[in-house]
Structure formats: structure tokens, C-alpha cells
Amino acid sequence: MHPLISASELLARRPQPVLLDCSFDLADPSAGERSYREGHLPGAIYVHLDRDLSGPKTGRNGRHPLRERSDYAQWMGAVGIAPGTPVVAYDRQGSMLAVRAWWVLRWMGHADVAVLDGGLPAWQAAGGALSSDLPRITELPAYPLQPAALPTLNADQLQARLAEVRVIDARAPERYRGEVEPLDAVAGHIPGALNRCFKDNLQTDGRFKPADQLRAEFAPLLDGRPVVHQCGSGVTACHNLLAMEVAGLGPGSLYPGSWSEWSSEPSRPMVRGQAA
């Protein structure tokens, strides 16, 4: 499946894929579920960033660490996802949360997953109805475990390879430069990282930019080295991963712990300001 699906394509799709509503607010973790209950795509299942898509926090492994693969396998079965099941993830926030579900399912080896381009607003603009009904979920056995289908690096691996990779930071420019830090204890960025805010992947209507435009905008950041994506906690980094795949540049690797994990260890190198 292409990583993006338009609202018109989803409206015409039969049978309907498994729909995952990933709406979430970092400042109010219950807001996404409240919005879901008020209105969602018919048949959609709510997916909570903290409960469903993230594992336990230790204070040193980032704000949204990955769960164990066996836990994700159980969750996928519980929401009715089996090998070959078409899945579409969406949210209300420019796909900044839906991309995490897309990446997790791809990482688990599930190829039949896409993000709804433009999310719930695009669905409504295309004439799609909303529902407040809670869906009936057909639970399935745990998803078959297999080797990870997308590459990741942990903090030690990334630190050892900083000179060998191109790190792309998906946070807002002022957070990347270390001018403000509303979420993590330390401000700044990983040495050598270049900034590509995930919002720069979007058009004004919340849909992703065309592939050729994304390709042209990412080109100055690439120098032939393997690409590693990070952000604050490993969520919006997936937005740049998806954008690069749409652009035909390959998704690259994810550093799941991202700045929230990196900055929790004072001995790791950190810098402020704009990269040269």
C-alpha cells in the first residue's frame, strides 16, 4: 500500500480497511479520546499514543519509548489486524500522531497500512460523515512475530556513528536551536543534526506536499550518508520518514528515544544554535 491514501480514495474503498483514530494532545492526554467520542470516521478504533503506541517510561528512555514487539503483536490482534489486513491511520493534527501508528505497523512487518492524507478534516471536506458510535471489534490472535522490517538505532549506536550518518531533527526550529524547550529538561540538539520541522511536509490544507516538492526540499539535507530521523520523543520523526518515502528517497532509520532520551544522559554531547 502507498503510504498515503486520499479521502476520496478511502470513501470509495470497499471493503473498508481497519481505521485507527490516533488523535492526541501532548498537553492534555485525554483530549484525543474525547474528540474521538464526539465524532470519528465510521467504524474507526481509537488508538492512544501513551497506552497503545508507547511503552513504560523509566526517565532515561524517552517520553514515548517503543513497546516490546510481543506487546504490539497482542495489540494488533486485539484491534483486528492480521497479515494482509488493510489499515488506515488518521488524526486531526496534520498526521503528526497517525504517522506513529503507520511506522509501528510497518516496523512490525505489516505492509498494508497507509495514513489518511489530511486526516479527519480532509475526510469531512470530501463529504465523509462522522459517527459517535463505538465500533464492534473482532479480536484476532496476536500478530505473527517476525524480524523488524524497518531499521532503528538506540542512543549508544547513534553516538558511536554520529560521523557516519545524517541526523534529521523533526522538531520546531526554536526547539532544535535550544531557544525554548517546553517538554524536556534540557534544550538543544544532537551534534551534527539538521532541522526539518515535520510541519514543513504539509500544504496549507494539512495534506502532504507533492512527491517532487518533498524530494527537492529534502535534497539539501542529504549528503549520501544513511539518514537517521529523530524528534522530541520519536513520534513526529515518523512524519519525516513517511515524507521521504513519499518522495522516493527511502525512509531511513528511526532513533525512537530521540531528544528526550538523548538529553537525559548528561555525558552525551549536546549543542545549541543553528548547525553550520
Protein backbone atom coordinates (compact mmCIF):
# COMPACT_ATOMS: atom_id res chain seq x y z
CA MET A 1 0.00 0.00 0.00
CA HIS A 2 1.19 3.54 -0.79
CA PRO A 3 2.00 5.35 2.47
CA LEU A 4 -0.76 7.91 1.81
CA ILE A 5 -4.41 7.48 0.87
CA SER A 6 -6.67 10.37 -0.12
CA ALA A 7 -10.06 10.93 1.45
CA SER A 8 -11.81 10.30 -1.87
CA GLU A 9 -9.95 7.01 -2.28
CA LEU A 10 -10.89 5.94 1.24
CA LEU A 11 -14.55 6.88 0.70
CA ALA A 12 -14.64 4.62 -2.37
CA ARG A 13 -12.69 1.75 -0.78
CA ARG A 14 -14.63 -1.48 -0.32
CA PRO A 15 -14.41 -3.33 1.94
CA GLN A 16 -13.44 -0.69 4.47
CA PRO A 17 -9.96 -1.03 5.96
CA VAL A 18 -9.38 -1.14 9.68
CA LEU A 19 -9.42 2.54 10.66
CA LEU A 20 -7.27 3.83 13.52
CA ASP A 21 -8.06 7.24 15.02
CA CYS A 22 -4.77 8.41 16.57
CA SER A 23 -5.84 11.88 17.68
CA PHE A 24 -3.90 13.08 20.73
CA ASP A 25 -2.78 16.21 22.55
CA LEU A 26 0.57 16.16 24.36
CA ALA A 27 -0.67 18.87 26.72
CA ASP A 28 -3.93 17.04 27.50
CA PRO A 29 -3.58 13.24 27.03
CA SER A 30 -7.34 12.69 27.33
CA ALA A 31 -8.32 15.26 24.69
CA GLY A 32 -7.88 12.95 21.69
CA GLU A 33 -10.17 10.30 23.12
CA ARG A 34 -12.80 12.93 23.96
CA SER A 35 -12.68 14.21 20.39
CA TYR A 36 -12.97 10.65 19.11
CA ARG A 37 -16.10 10.04 21.17
CA GLU A 38 -17.65 13.24 19.85
CA GLY A 39 -17.10 12.21 16.23
CA HIS A 40 -14.84 9.93 14.19
CA LEU A 41 -14.74 8.13 10.87
CA PRO A 42 -17.44 5.45 10.95
CA GLY A 43 -16.01 2.20 12.28
CA ALA A 44 -12.74 3.75 13.47
CA ILE A 45 -10.98 2.39 16.56
CA TYR A 46 -9.36 4.83 18.95
CA VAL A 47 -5.59 4.43 19.45
CA HIS A 48 -3.98 6.18 22.43
CA LEU A 49 -0.39 7.34 21.98
CA ASP A 50 0.61 6.55 25.56
CA ARG A 51 -1.41 3.38 26.20
CA ASP A 52 -1.28 1.68 22.81
CA LEU A 53 1.69 3.02 20.87
CA SER A 54 4.24 3.61 23.66
CA GLY A 55 5.87 1.52 26.36
CA PRO A 56 6.71 2.16 30.02
CA LYS A 57 8.91 5.17 30.75
CA THR A 58 11.95 4.87 33.00
CA GLY A 59 13.03 8.51 32.96
CA ARG A 60 16.01 7.59 30.79
CA ASN A 61 14.35 6.03 27.73
CA GLY A 62 12.40 8.99 26.39
CA ARG A 63 8.84 10.22 26.65
CA HIS A 64 7.33 7.74 24.17
CA PRO A 65 9.54 4.63 24.15
CA LEU A 66 8.61 1.71 21.96
CA ARG A 67 6.75 -1.20 23.49
CA GLU A 68 8.06 -4.74 23.29
CA ARG A 69 7.33 -6.27 19.90
CA SER A 70 5.26 -9.00 21.58
CA ASP A 71 3.09 -6.28 23.16
CA TYR A 72 2.49 -4.66 19.78
CA ALA A 73 1.64 -8.08 18.33
CA GLN A 74 -1.02 -8.58 21.02
CA TRP A 75 -2.43 -5.09 20.46
CA MET A 76 -2.60 -5.56 16.69
CA GLY A 77 -4.58 -8.75 17.12
CA ALA A 78 -6.86 -7.08 19.67
CA VAL A 79 -7.86 -4.38 17.15
CA GLY A 80 -8.42 -6.90 14.35
CA ILE A 81 -5.20 -6.63 12.37
CA ALA A 82 -3.86 -9.81 10.77
CA PRO A 83 -1.30 -10.22 7.97
CA GLY A 84 -2.83 -8.74 4.82
CA THR A 85 -5.44 -6.63 6.64
CA PRO A 86 -5.65 -3.15 5.06
CA VAL A 87 -5.20 -0.44 7.71
CA VAL A 88 -5.57 3.35 7.51
CA ALA A 89 -4.45 5.63 10.35
CA TYR A 90 -5.53 9.25 10.76
CA ASP A 91 -5.73 12.09 13.25
CA ARG A 92 -6.84 15.71 13.48
CA GLN A 93 -3.35 17.24 13.77
CA GLY A 94 -1.66 17.12 10.38
CA SER A 95 -0.91 13.38 10.68
CA MET A 96 1.63 14.03 13.46
CA LEU A 97 0.24 11.11 15.51
CA ALA A 98 -1.06 8.86 12.73
CA VAL A 99 2.48 8.51 11.41
CA ARG A 100 3.50 6.75 14.64
CA ALA A 101 0.86 4.05 14.09
CA TRP A 102 1.91 3.78 10.43
CA TRP A 103 5.56 3.35 11.41
CA VAL A 104 4.86 0.83 14.21
CA LEU A 105 2.81 -1.37 11.90
CA ARG A 106 5.46 -1.16 9.18
CA TRP A 107 8.17 -1.94 11.77
CA MET A 108 6.15 -4.99 12.80
CA GLY A 109 6.18 -6.20 9.20
CA HIS A 110 2.68 -5.09 8.21
CA ALA A 111 2.90 -3.59 4.71
CA ASP A 112 -0.82 -2.89 4.17
CA VAL A 113 -1.01 0.39 6.10
CA ALA A 114 -1.43 4.00 4.99
CA VAL A 115 -2.03 7.41 6.52
CA LEU A 116 -5.17 9.33 5.53
CA ASP A 117 -3.74 12.38 3.77
CA GLY A 118 -5.15 15.45 5.52
CA GLY A 119 -6.74 13.40 8.27
CA LEU A 120 -10.24 13.91 9.60
CA PRO A 121 -10.59 17.45 8.13
CA ALA A 122 -9.87 16.09 4.64
CA TRP A 123 -12.45 13.35 5.17
CA GLN A 124 -15.10 15.92 6.06
CA ALA A 125 -14.09 18.19 3.18
CA ALA A 126 -14.61 15.24 0.81
CA GLY A 127 -18.14 14.72 2.14
CA GLY A 128 -17.37 11.94 4.60
CA ALA A 129 -19.68 11.59 7.59
CA LEU A 130 -18.64 11.27 11.21
CA SER A 131 -20.06 8.90 13.82
CA SER A 132 -20.10 8.80 17.60
CA ASP A 133 -20.90 5.08 17.66
CA LEU A 134 -18.24 2.80 19.14
CA PRO A 135 -17.28 0.03 16.71
CA ARG A 136 -17.58 -3.68 17.29
CA ILE A 137 -14.07 -5.09 17.17
CA THR A 138 -13.37 -8.64 16.04
CA GLU A 139 -10.38 -9.63 18.14
CA LEU A 140 -7.82 -11.89 16.49
CA PRO A 141 -4.79 -13.83 17.72
CA ALA A 142 -1.57 -11.92 18.24
CA TYR A 143 0.09 -10.75 15.04
CA PRO A 144 2.82 -13.21 13.96
CA LEU A 145 6.18 -12.04 15.24
CA GLN A 146 8.96 -11.59 12.70
CA PRO A 147 12.21 -9.61 12.47
CA ALA A 148 11.84 -5.83 12.47
CA ALA A 149 11.02 -4.61 8.96
CA LEU A 150 12.35 -1.06 9.47
CA PRO A 151 15.72 -0.10 10.98
CA THR A 152 16.21 1.64 14.33
CA LEU A 153 19.19 2.82 16.38
CA ASN A 154 19.49 3.20 20.13
CA ALA A 155 21.36 6.06 21.79
CA ASP A 156 24.68 4.23 22.11
CA GLN A 157 24.59 3.09 18.50
CA LEU A 158 23.81 6.59 17.29
CA GLN A 159 26.51 8.21 19.41
CA ALA A 160 29.07 5.77 18.05
CA ARG A 161 28.01 6.53 14.46
CA LEU A 162 27.41 10.29 14.54
CA ALA A 163 30.12 10.93 11.94
CA GLU A 164 28.74 8.21 9.66
CA VAL A 165 25.08 9.26 9.45
CA ARG A 166 22.96 12.29 8.62
CA VAL A 167 20.65 13.05 11.56
CA ILE A 168 17.43 14.94 10.74
CA ASP A 169 15.55 16.55 13.63
CA ALA A 170 11.78 16.98 13.11
CA ARG A 171 11.15 19.43 15.95
CA ALA A 172 10.18 23.09 15.58
CA PRO A 173 13.20 25.27 14.72
CA GLU A 174 13.22 27.12 18.04
CA ARG A 175 13.34 23.84 19.95
CA TYR A 176 16.05 22.48 17.66
CA ARG A 177 18.16 25.59 18.26
CA GLY A 178 17.62 25.28 22.01
CA GLU A 179 15.91 28.67 22.38
CA VAL A 180 12.90 27.08 24.10
CA GLU A 181 12.18 23.63 25.50
CA PRO A 182 8.61 23.12 26.70
CA LEU A 183 8.75 19.35 27.18
CA ASP A 184 12.25 18.11 28.03
CA ALA A 185 14.63 19.08 30.84
CA VAL A 186 17.49 20.18 28.57
CA ALA A 187 17.35 22.35 25.44
CA GLY A 188 19.43 21.84 22.31
CA HIS A 189 20.04 19.20 19.68
CA ILE A 190 22.22 16.23 18.79
CA PRO A 191 25.59 17.28 17.32
CA GLY A 192 25.53 17.34 13.52
CA ALA A 193 21.74 17.12 13.28
CA LEU A 194 19.98 19.26 10.68
CA ASN A 195 16.47 20.59 11.20
CA ARG A 196 13.45 19.69 9.10
CA CYS A 197 10.30 20.52 11.08
CA PHE A 198 7.63 17.94 10.28
CA LYS A 199 5.12 20.72 9.58
CA ASP A 200 7.19 21.69 6.53
CA ASN A 201 6.00 18.47 4.87
CA LEU A 202 2.44 19.79 4.68
CA GLN A 203 0.43 22.05 2.44
CA THR A 204 -1.84 24.70 3.96
CA ASP A 205 -4.80 22.29 3.93
CA GLY A 206 -2.92 19.71 6.03
CA ARG A 207 -2.20 17.32 3.18
CA PHE A 208 1.36 16.28 2.32
CA LYS A 209 3.16 18.21 -0.38
CA PRO A 210 3.61 16.50 -3.78
CA ALA A 211 6.42 13.98 -4.05
CA ASP A 212 8.59 16.13 -6.33
CA GLN A 213 8.36 19.10 -3.96
CA LEU A 214 9.26 16.96 -0.96
CA ARG A 215 12.17 15.48 -2.89
CA ALA A 216 13.50 18.95 -3.75
CA GLU A 217 13.13 20.20 -0.17
CA PHE A 218 14.88 17.20 1.40
CA ALA A 219 17.72 17.20 -1.15
CA PRO A 220 19.85 19.89 0.62
CA LEU A 221 19.76 17.84 3.83
CA LEU A 222 21.12 14.68 2.22
CA ASP A 223 24.80 14.02 1.60
CA GLY A 224 24.90 10.33 0.75
CA ARG A 225 25.21 9.12 4.32
CA PRO A 226 22.48 6.92 5.86
CA VAL A 227 19.67 9.05 7.31
CA VAL A 228 18.57 8.80 10.95
CA HIS A 229 15.35 10.56 11.95
CA GLN A 230 14.64 11.90 15.42
CA CYS A 231 12.46 14.50 17.14
CA GLY A 232 11.50 15.05 20.76
CA SER A 233 10.22 11.58 21.59
CA GLY A 234 10.27 9.53 18.37
CA VAL A 235 6.76 10.40 17.18
CA THR A 236 6.93 13.28 14.68
CA ALA A 237 10.23 11.90 13.38
CA CYS A 238 7.99 9.34 11.65
CA HIS A 239 6.42 12.24 9.73
CA ASN A 240 9.75 12.89 8.02
CA LEU A 241 10.23 9.15 7.49
CA LEU A 242 6.90 8.98 5.67
CA ALA A 243 7.61 12.16 3.69
CA MET A 244 10.92 10.77 2.47
CA GLU A 245 9.21 7.56 1.42
CA VAL A 246 6.56 9.53 -0.47
CA ALA A 247 9.42 11.44 -2.15
CA GLY A 248 11.06 8.19 -3.23
CA LEU A 249 14.10 8.80 -1.03
CA GLY A 250 13.72 5.75 1.20
CA PRO A 251 12.51 6.02 4.79
CA GLY A 252 15.83 5.88 6.63
CA SER A 253 16.25 4.78 10.24
CA LEU A 254 14.44 5.95 13.36
CA TYR A 255 16.06 6.85 16.66
CA PRO A 256 13.00 6.10 18.84
CA GLY A 257 14.30 7.65 22.07
CA SER A 258 15.08 10.94 20.29
CA TRP A 259 15.96 14.13 22.17
CA SER A 260 14.01 13.20 25.32
CA GLU A 261 16.21 10.13 25.77
CA TRP A 262 19.44 11.65 24.43
CA SER A 263 19.26 14.67 26.76
CA SER A 264 18.50 12.54 29.84
CA GLU A 265 22.16 11.43 29.97
CA PRO A 266 24.43 14.41 30.79
CA SER A 267 27.53 12.70 29.36
CA ARG A 268 26.11 12.71 25.81
CA PRO A 269 27.22 15.60 23.61
CA MET A 270 24.63 18.34 23.07
CA VAL A 271 24.75 21.65 21.24
CA ARG A 272 22.65 24.78 20.86
CA GLY A 273 22.22 27.16 17.97
CA GLN A 274 21.93 26.59 14.24
CA ALA A 275 24.06 23.90 12.61
CA ALA A 276 26.73 25.23 10.25
